[in-house]
C-alpha atoms as a PDB file:
ATOM      1  CA  UNK A   1     152.755 116.092-127.028  1.00  0.00           C
ATOM      2  CA  UNK A   2     154.666 115.979-123.765  1.00  0.00           C
ATOM      3  CA  UNK A   3     158.069 114.463-123.241  1.00  0.00           C
ATOM      4  CA  UNK A   4     156.404 111.765-121.139  1.00  0.00           C
ATOM      5  CA  UNK A   5     154.101 110.860-124.052  1.00  0.00           C
ATOM      6  CA  UNK A   6     157.086 110.676-126.382  1.00  0.00           C
ATOM      7  CA  UNK A   7     158.827 108.375-123.903  1.00  0.00           C
ATOM      8  CA  UNK A   8     155.772 106.135-123.625  1.00  0.00           C
ATOM      9  CA  UNK A   9     155.541 105.771-127.386  1.00  0.00           C
ATOM     10  CA  UNK A  10     159.209 104.995-127.773  1.00  0.00           C
ATOM     11  CA  UNK A  11     159.125 102.355-125.028  1.00  0.00           C
ATOM     12  CA  UNK A  12     155.913 100.804-126.405  1.00  0.00           C
ATOM     13  CA  UNK A  13     157.530 100.526-129.850  1.00  0.00           C
ATOM     14  CA  UNK A  14     160.836  99.326-128.410  1.00  0.00           C
ATOM     15  CA  UNK A  15     162.566 102.256-130.090  1.00  0.00           C
ATOM     16  CA  UNK A  16     165.132 104.755-128.914  1.00  0.00           C
ATOM     17  CA  UNK A  17     166.168 108.249-129.916  1.00  0.00           C
ATOM     18  CA  UNK A  18     169.469 110.094-129.821  1.00  0.00           C
ATOM     19  CA  UNK A  19     169.947 113.796-130.445  1.00  0.00           C
ATOM     20  CA  UNK A  20     172.504 116.043-132.086  1.00  0.00           C
ATOM     21  CA  UNK A  21     172.016 119.581-130.800  1.00  0.00           C
ATOM     22  CA  UNK A  22     173.576 122.957-131.493  1.00  0.00           C
ATOM     23  CA  UNK A  23     171.451 126.021-130.812  1.00  0.00           C
ATOM     24  CA  UNK A  24     169.418 124.218-128.148  1.00  0.00           C
ATOM     25  CA  UNK A  25     172.646 123.514-126.220  1.00  0.00           C
ATOM     26  CA  UNK A  26     171.431 120.171-124.873  1.00  0.00           C
ATOM     27  CA  UNK A  27     167.891 121.158-123.927  1.00  0.00           C
ATOM     28  CA  UNK A  28     166.232 118.352-125.874  1.00  0.00           C
ATOM     29  CA  UNK A  29     168.533 115.754-124.360  1.00  0.00           C
ATOM     30  CA  UNK A  30     168.010 117.208-120.919  1.00  0.00           C
ATOM     31  CA  UNK A  31     164.219 117.056-121.255  1.00  0.00           C
ATOM     32  CA  UNK A  32     164.323 113.457-122.462  1.00  0.00           C
ATOM     33  CA  UNK A  33     166.591 112.489-119.579  1.00  0.00           C
ATOM     34  CA  UNK A  34     164.166 113.873-116.967  1.00  0.00           C
ATOM     35  CA  UNK A  35     161.706 111.072-117.593  1.00  0.00           C
ATOM     36  CA  UNK A  36     162.169 108.245-115.104  1.00  0.00           C
ATOM     37  CA  UNK A  37     163.677 105.232-116.875  1.00  0.00           C
ATOM     38  CA  UNK A  38     164.913 107.347-119.758  1.00  0.00           C
ATOM     39  CA  UNK A  39     167.827 104.999-120.403  1.00  0.00           C
ATOM     40  CA  UNK A  40     165.268 102.610-121.929  1.00  0.00           C
ATOM     41  CA  UNK A  41     164.711 104.996-124.864  1.00  0.00           C
ATOM     42  CA  UNK A  42     167.435 107.654-124.705  1.00  0.00           C
ATOM     43  CA  UNK A  43     171.062 106.497-124.902  1.00  0.00           C
ATOM     44  CA  UNK A  44     172.344 110.083-125.167  1.00  0.00           C
ATOM     45  CA  UNK A  45     173.329 112.777-127.573  1.00  0.00           C
ATOM     46  CA  UNK A  46     175.916 115.249-128.797  1.00  0.00           C
ATOM     47  CA  UNK A  47     176.076 118.997-128.279  1.00  0.00           C
ATOM     48  CA  UNK A  48     178.076 120.394-131.167  1.00  0.00           C
ATOM     49  CA  UNK A  49     177.797 124.151-130.955  1.00  0.00           C
ATOM     50  CA  UNK A  50     180.831 125.187-132.996  1.00  0.00           C
ATOM     51  CA  UNK A  51     181.452 124.452-136.643  1.00  0.00           C
ATOM     52  CA  UNK A  52     184.554 122.431-135.884  1.00  0.00           C
ATOM     53  CA  UNK A  53     182.644 119.975-133.715  1.00  0.00           C
ATOM     54  CA  UNK A  54     179.760 119.767-136.160  1.00  0.00           C
ATOM     55  CA  UNK A  55     182.237 118.848-138.852  1.00  0.00           C
ATOM     56  CA  UNK A  56     184.503 116.480-136.895  1.00  0.00           C
ATOM     57  CA  UNK A  57     181.992 114.709-134.642  1.00  0.00           C
ATOM     58  CA  UNK A  58     178.810 114.837-136.718  1.00  0.00           C
ATOM     59  CA  UNK A  59     180.446 114.809-140.163  1.00  0.00           C
ATOM     60  CA  UNK A  60     178.569 117.913-141.315  1.00  0.00           C
ATOM     61  CA  UNK A  61     180.247 118.931-144.586  1.00  0.00           C
ATOM     62  CA  UNK A  62     181.998 122.275-144.517  1.00  0.00           C
ATOM     63  CA  UNK A  63     179.869 123.584-147.395  1.00  0.00           C
ATOM     64  CA  UNK A  64     176.640 122.817-145.504  1.00  0.00           C
ATOM     65  CA  UNK A  65     177.912 124.442-142.330  1.00  0.00           C
ATOM     66  CA  UNK A  66     179.076 127.567-144.177  1.00  0.00           C
ATOM     67  CA  UNK A  67     175.780 127.859-146.079  1.00  0.00           C
ATOM     68  CA  UNK A  68     173.656 127.521-142.939  1.00  0.00           C
ATOM     69  CA  UNK A  69     175.906 129.847-140.932  1.00  0.00           C
ATOM     70  CA  UNK A  70     175.685 132.517-143.639  1.00  0.00           C
ATOM     71  CA  UNK A  71     171.887 132.290-143.834  1.00  0.00           C
ATOM     72  CA  UNK A  72     171.625 132.573-140.048  1.00  0.00           C
ATOM     73  CA  UNK A  73     173.386 135.923-140.161  1.00  0.00           C
ATOM     74  CA  UNK A  74     170.839 137.451-142.562  1.00  0.00           C
END
């Protein structure tokens, strides 16, 4: 499915989507914003790359962040 098809479905359903990104560093939000009229379905997102931002802005519990960070290093 292309980003344009996703946009069409969201608009047809009168829905919107926001993103919270880390490892993608904003790529998903960027792709959504390239569709003309994207403000109809994409109000924006957050790029929280570091643990501190994930915890303070996105309310990711410290235990979850530590567990996922440890498994990523394996």
